Structure formats: C-alpha cells, structure tokens
Amino acid sequence: MAEAKDQEPQQERSITKEEPRKRPRALDQASPVLSEDELRQSGVRKMMQDELERLREENAELISYRGLYYDSVKECAILQQRVKVSIAGDILSLGCTAIGGALIGLSSRIGTSDLFYTKVLVVIGFLLLSIAVVAKWKMR
C-alpha cells in the first residue's frame, strides 16, 4: 500500500502535461465537402496536410493516455475487491464477537442450575471469540 502512495504522484505528473501549443486551425471555417477543383489546388492540399499532421500529433499524445486509463481501471477493480474482502472480514469478526460475548454472558445467567449447558455455552462463546480474533488478524 505504501508503494501505491509513492507511485501516485509520479502518475499525476505524467498526466498533467503542459497545454499543447495552439496552432491555427485552417480548416475550421472550410466547408466539410470540397469539390474536385478545390481539392486540386495546392493551398487546399497544404491545409489538409497541416490538419493531418496536427491530428497525427494529437493521436500520438492520446495513445499514451490509453495505457494510463487501462492501468487505472485495473487498479480501481483491485481496490474495490480489497474493500469487499475487508468489509466481509469485518462483518465476520464483529458477528462472531457479538455472538460469542452474548453466549458467555448467557452462560452466567444459567449459572449452577445446569452446569453442562453453562460449559457448552462458554466453550462455544470462546470458540466464536477465537474465530473473530483470527478473522481480524487475517484481514490485515
């Protein structure tokens, strides 16, 4: 867990890059459909090559984020699974503690009237308390 905390600032640094330089977008005002005559002009071809180059650069930058995204999704799933296991362990531990304590308390109520049931309740109570301690210890 300490390693994950150490790695977190490094990942944040790699994600927060400087703003990409603003380039004039020549085709923003252009019509989406160009005629054959317009496509033959050298200026249109240069603008299209410029736009293609810009898109390639943007694509190269975004490809690096794809890996970061899938790594973070995987890490998120692992952490969610750990939380589920932790909650299940806490429920088991608290349930066994409560029932074991209640059985030990009930055994003192029965007292000397039925010594066999008193001993059975004490043994079961301590067994449940032991299970609670082991469950809590294993979940760490």
Protein backbone atom coordinates (compact mmCIF):
# COMPACT_ATOMS: atom_id res chain seq x y z
CA MET A 1 0.00 0.00 0.00
CA ALA A 2 2.93 2.32 0.75
CA GLU A 3 4.27 1.64 -2.72
CA ALA A 4 0.98 2.72 -4.28
CA LYS A 5 1.15 6.03 -2.40
CA ASP A 6 4.71 6.55 -3.64
CA GLN A 7 3.72 5.88 -7.24
CA GLU A 8 0.66 8.11 -7.21
CA PRO A 9 2.48 11.47 -7.53
CA GLN A 10 4.57 10.11 -10.41
CA GLN A 11 1.46 9.15 -12.33
CA GLU A 12 -0.11 12.54 -11.68
CA ARG A 13 2.98 14.26 -13.02
CA SER A 14 2.88 12.22 -16.21
CA ILE A 15 -0.80 13.01 -16.75
CA THR A 16 -0.61 16.75 -16.14
CA LYS A 17 1.36 17.89 -19.15
CA GLU A 18 1.67 21.41 -20.34
CA GLU A 19 -1.00 22.78 -22.64
CA PRO A 20 -0.27 21.88 -26.26
CA ARG A 21 0.66 24.87 -28.33
CA LYS A 22 -2.25 26.43 -30.12
CA ARG A 23 -1.92 26.13 -33.86
CA PRO A 24 -4.14 27.94 -36.28
CA ARG A 25 -6.81 25.60 -37.48
CA ALA A 26 -7.04 26.40 -41.14
CA LEU A 27 -9.95 24.12 -41.89
CA ASP A 28 -12.26 25.36 -39.12
CA GLN A 29 -14.10 27.68 -41.48
CA ALA A 30 -13.90 25.41 -44.52
CA SER A 31 -16.86 23.57 -45.91
CA PRO A 32 -16.89 19.87 -44.99
CA VAL A 33 -17.41 18.85 -48.63
CA LEU A 34 -14.85 20.06 -51.16
CA SER A 35 -15.27 19.85 -54.90
CA GLU A 36 -12.71 18.28 -57.23
CA ASP A 37 -11.47 21.70 -58.36
CA GLU A 38 -10.93 22.79 -54.75
CA LEU A 39 -9.06 19.58 -53.95
CA ARG A 40 -6.66 20.11 -56.86
CA GLN A 41 -5.44 23.45 -55.54
CA SER A 42 -2.10 23.33 -53.76
CA GLY A 43 -3.27 25.56 -50.90
CA VAL A 44 -6.07 23.18 -50.00
CA ARG A 45 -3.68 20.24 -50.06
CA LYS A 46 -1.25 22.09 -47.79
CA MET A 47 -4.05 22.91 -45.35
CA MET A 48 -5.17 19.29 -45.38
CA GLN A 49 -1.61 18.09 -44.80
CA ASP A 50 -1.31 20.55 -41.92
CA GLU A 51 -4.54 19.25 -40.42
CA LEU A 52 -3.41 15.65 -40.94
CA GLU A 53 -0.11 16.37 -39.17
CA ARG A 54 -1.95 18.02 -36.27
CA LEU A 55 -4.25 15.01 -35.93
CA ARG A 56 -1.29 12.61 -36.00
CA GLU A 57 0.41 14.54 -33.19
CA GLU A 58 -2.80 14.56 -31.18
CA ASN A 59 -3.27 10.84 -31.78
CA ALA A 60 0.30 10.08 -30.64
CA GLU A 61 -0.30 12.05 -27.44
CA LEU A 62 -3.61 10.33 -26.73
CA ILE A 63 -2.19 6.85 -27.25
CA SER A 64 -0.08 7.29 -24.13
CA TYR A 65 -3.22 8.08 -22.14
CA ARG A 66 -4.86 4.84 -23.25
CA GLY A 67 -2.35 2.79 -21.27
CA LEU A 68 -2.77 5.01 -18.23
CA TYR A 69 -6.54 4.62 -18.46
CA TYR A 70 -6.45 0.83 -18.55
CA ASP A 71 -3.90 0.71 -15.72
CA SER A 72 -6.12 2.92 -13.56
CA VAL A 73 -9.21 0.82 -14.35
CA LYS A 74 -7.33 -2.33 -13.32
CA GLU A 75 -6.09 -0.70 -10.12
CA CYS A 76 -9.59 0.52 -9.33
CA ALA A 77 -11.00 -3.00 -9.71
CA ILE A 78 -8.30 -4.41 -7.42
CA LEU A 79 -9.01 -1.79 -4.76
CA GLN A 80 -12.76 -2.41 -4.95
CA GLN A 81 -12.15 -6.13 -4.45
CA ARG A 82 -9.97 -5.39 -1.41
CA VAL A 83 -12.72 -3.26 0.07
CA LYS A 84 -15.25 -6.08 -0.40
CA VAL A 85 -12.95 -8.57 1.32
CA SER A 86 -12.28 -6.11 4.14
CA ILE A 87 -15.99 -5.50 4.71
CA ALA A 88 -16.71 -9.24 4.73
CA GLY A 89 -13.93 -9.79 7.27
CA ASP A 90 -15.23 -7.01 9.48
CA ILE A 91 -18.75 -8.43 9.39
CA LEU A 92 -17.46 -11.90 10.28
CA SER A 93 -15.29 -10.56 13.09
CA LEU A 94 -17.96 -8.33 14.61
CA GLY A 95 -20.64 -11.02 14.30
CA CYS A 96 -18.52 -13.65 15.98
CA THR A 97 -17.51 -11.21 18.73
CA ALA A 98 -21.12 -10.23 19.43
CA ILE A 99 -22.49 -13.77 19.42
CA GLY A 100 -19.55 -15.16 21.42
CA GLY A 101 -19.88 -12.42 24.03
CA ALA A 102 -23.63 -12.95 24.22
CA LEU A 103 -23.19 -16.71 24.74
CA ILE A 104 -20.65 -16.16 27.51
CA GLY A 105 -23.00 -13.65 29.14
CA LEU A 106 -25.92 -16.08 28.79
CA SER A 107 -23.89 -18.84 30.42
CA SER A 108 -23.54 -16.75 33.58
CA ARG A 109 -27.34 -16.30 33.64
CA ILE A 110 -27.89 -20.04 33.58
CA GLY A 111 -25.43 -20.32 36.46
CA THR A 112 -25.31 -23.50 38.50
CA SER A 113 -28.78 -24.77 37.62
CA ASP A 114 -27.48 -26.68 34.57
CA LEU A 115 -23.70 -26.96 34.64
CA PHE A 116 -23.44 -28.89 31.33
CA TYR A 117 -25.19 -26.18 29.26
CA THR A 118 -23.17 -23.50 31.01
CA LYS A 119 -19.92 -25.18 29.99
CA VAL A 120 -21.15 -25.72 26.41
CA LEU A 121 -22.14 -22.06 26.08
CA VAL A 122 -18.77 -20.89 27.47
CA VAL A 123 -16.83 -23.17 25.10
CA ILE A 124 -18.87 -22.08 22.07
CA GLY A 125 -18.55 -18.43 23.12
CA PHE A 126 -14.77 -18.64 23.41
CA LEU A 127 -14.61 -20.54 20.13
CA LEU A 128 -16.54 -17.73 18.39
CA LEU A 129 -14.32 -15.10 20.03
CA SER A 130 -11.26 -17.00 18.79
CA ILE A 131 -12.70 -17.08 15.26
CA ALA A 132 -13.31 -13.33 15.46
CA VAL A 133 -9.71 -12.66 16.50
CA VAL A 134 -8.31 -14.91 13.76
CA ALA A 135 -10.57 -13.34 11.13
CA LYS A 136 -9.49 -9.85 12.15
CA TRP A 137 -5.82 -10.88 12.16
CA LYS A 138 -6.08 -12.48 8.68
CA MET A 139 -7.71 -9.40 7.18
CA ARG A 140 -4.71 -7.20 7.96
